[in-house]
């Protein structure tokens, strides 16, 4: 089956796969950002998906954190062998295991 011709059509079709709502942000160099929305922001209250609405990002934040940590390690700004207290000494005594090595 061929893909729809536009991003909006693709987003609208994706709702048929069980998503309550979806917002897609497209940012291309030299062009203004584009937003596409389909489905519901709040199905219970019948509020449609709106590109300007705020959503809870839930577990997807783990992906962004993993990418950020990986980049910091690669650029030698962060070591996975150091303790949390090494980078944030003010947290020592406030966060359990802040002085514990990640490898322990």
Protein backbone atom coordinates (compact mmCIF):
# COMPACT_ATOMS: atom_id res chain seq x y z
CA UNK A 1 0.00 0.00 0.00
CA UNK A 2 1.56 3.36 -0.97
CA UNK A 3 2.23 6.05 1.62
CA UNK A 4 -0.03 9.11 1.66
CA UNK A 5 1.23 12.14 -0.26
CA UNK A 6 1.48 14.58 2.65
CA UNK A 7 2.78 14.49 6.21
CA UNK A 8 -0.69 15.46 7.46
CA UNK A 9 -2.23 12.47 5.68
CA UNK A 10 0.41 10.17 7.20
CA UNK A 11 -0.24 11.54 10.70
CA UNK A 12 -3.99 11.18 10.24
CA UNK A 13 -3.57 7.61 8.99
CA UNK A 14 -1.32 6.73 11.96
CA UNK A 15 -4.21 7.36 14.33
CA UNK A 16 -5.77 4.23 12.86
CA UNK A 17 -2.95 2.18 14.45
CA UNK A 18 -4.15 2.82 17.99
CA UNK A 19 -2.64 6.18 18.86
CA UNK A 20 -4.96 8.51 20.77
CA UNK A 21 -3.26 11.56 19.35
CA UNK A 22 -0.14 12.55 17.52
CA UNK A 23 1.78 15.73 16.81
CA UNK A 24 4.67 15.84 14.35
CA UNK A 25 7.16 18.71 14.23
CA UNK A 26 9.24 19.13 11.08
CA UNK A 27 12.18 21.53 11.12
CA UNK A 28 14.07 21.95 7.84
CA UNK A 29 16.97 24.36 7.40
CA UNK A 30 15.91 27.58 5.74
CA UNK A 31 12.18 26.92 6.20
CA UNK A 32 9.80 27.79 9.00
CA UNK A 33 8.89 24.87 11.28
CA UNK A 34 5.80 22.88 10.36
CA UNK A 35 3.38 21.15 12.75
CA UNK A 36 0.92 18.39 11.98
CA UNK A 37 -1.69 17.02 14.38
CA UNK A 38 -4.36 14.34 14.41
CA UNK A 39 -6.49 12.52 16.95
CA UNK A 40 -7.06 13.66 20.52
CA UNK A 41 -5.14 15.63 23.09
CA UNK A 42 -7.77 14.48 25.60
CA UNK A 43 -10.15 11.85 24.26
CA UNK A 44 -12.32 11.82 27.40
CA UNK A 45 -13.06 15.55 27.16
CA UNK A 46 -13.12 15.51 23.33
CA UNK A 47 -10.21 17.96 23.00
CA UNK A 48 -8.50 17.49 19.61
CA UNK A 49 -4.73 17.22 19.27
CA UNK A 50 -3.22 20.68 19.00
CA UNK A 51 0.43 21.36 18.07
CA UNK A 52 0.57 24.12 20.69
CA UNK A 53 -0.68 21.86 23.50
CA UNK A 54 1.64 20.51 26.16
CA UNK A 55 1.90 16.75 26.57
CA UNK A 56 3.49 14.66 29.26
CA UNK A 57 6.44 12.99 27.59
CA UNK A 58 6.54 9.97 29.88
CA UNK A 59 9.22 7.40 29.14
CA UNK A 60 10.40 9.03 25.95
CA UNK A 61 12.50 11.37 28.10
CA UNK A 62 14.80 8.39 28.75
CA UNK A 63 15.76 8.44 25.08
CA UNK A 64 16.77 12.11 25.22
CA UNK A 65 18.69 11.58 28.45
CA UNK A 66 20.56 8.60 26.96
CA UNK A 67 21.54 10.61 23.88
CA UNK A 68 22.68 13.58 25.98
CA UNK A 69 24.77 11.38 28.30
CA UNK A 70 26.31 9.56 25.34
CA UNK A 71 27.33 12.84 23.73
CA UNK A 72 28.81 14.14 26.98
CA UNK A 73 30.82 10.95 27.47
CA UNK A 74 32.02 11.01 23.85
CA UNK A 75 33.15 14.63 24.22
CA UNK A 76 34.91 13.75 27.52
CA UNK A 77 32.71 16.12 29.56
CA UNK A 78 31.35 13.20 31.58
CA UNK A 79 32.77 9.88 32.74
CA UNK A 80 30.60 6.90 33.53
CA UNK A 81 33.25 5.85 36.07
CA UNK A 82 32.80 8.95 38.28
CA UNK A 83 30.30 9.37 41.09
CA UNK A 84 27.39 11.77 41.12
CA UNK A 85 29.04 13.57 44.05
CA UNK A 86 32.12 14.16 41.88
CA UNK A 87 30.06 16.33 39.52
CA UNK A 88 27.63 17.70 42.11
CA UNK A 89 29.37 17.80 45.51
CA UNK A 90 26.46 19.71 47.01
CA UNK A 91 24.31 16.60 46.61
CA UNK A 92 26.51 14.50 48.87
CA UNK A 93 24.40 13.52 51.86
CA UNK A 94 21.22 14.65 50.12
CA UNK A 95 20.98 11.86 47.55
CA UNK A 96 21.49 8.27 48.62
CA UNK A 97 24.57 6.66 47.04
CA UNK A 98 25.81 9.94 45.52
CA UNK A 99 29.36 8.95 46.51
CA UNK A 100 28.96 5.37 45.31
CA UNK A 101 30.75 4.37 42.12
CA UNK A 102 28.41 3.34 39.28
CA UNK A 103 30.39 0.08 39.02
CA UNK A 104 29.84 -0.93 42.68
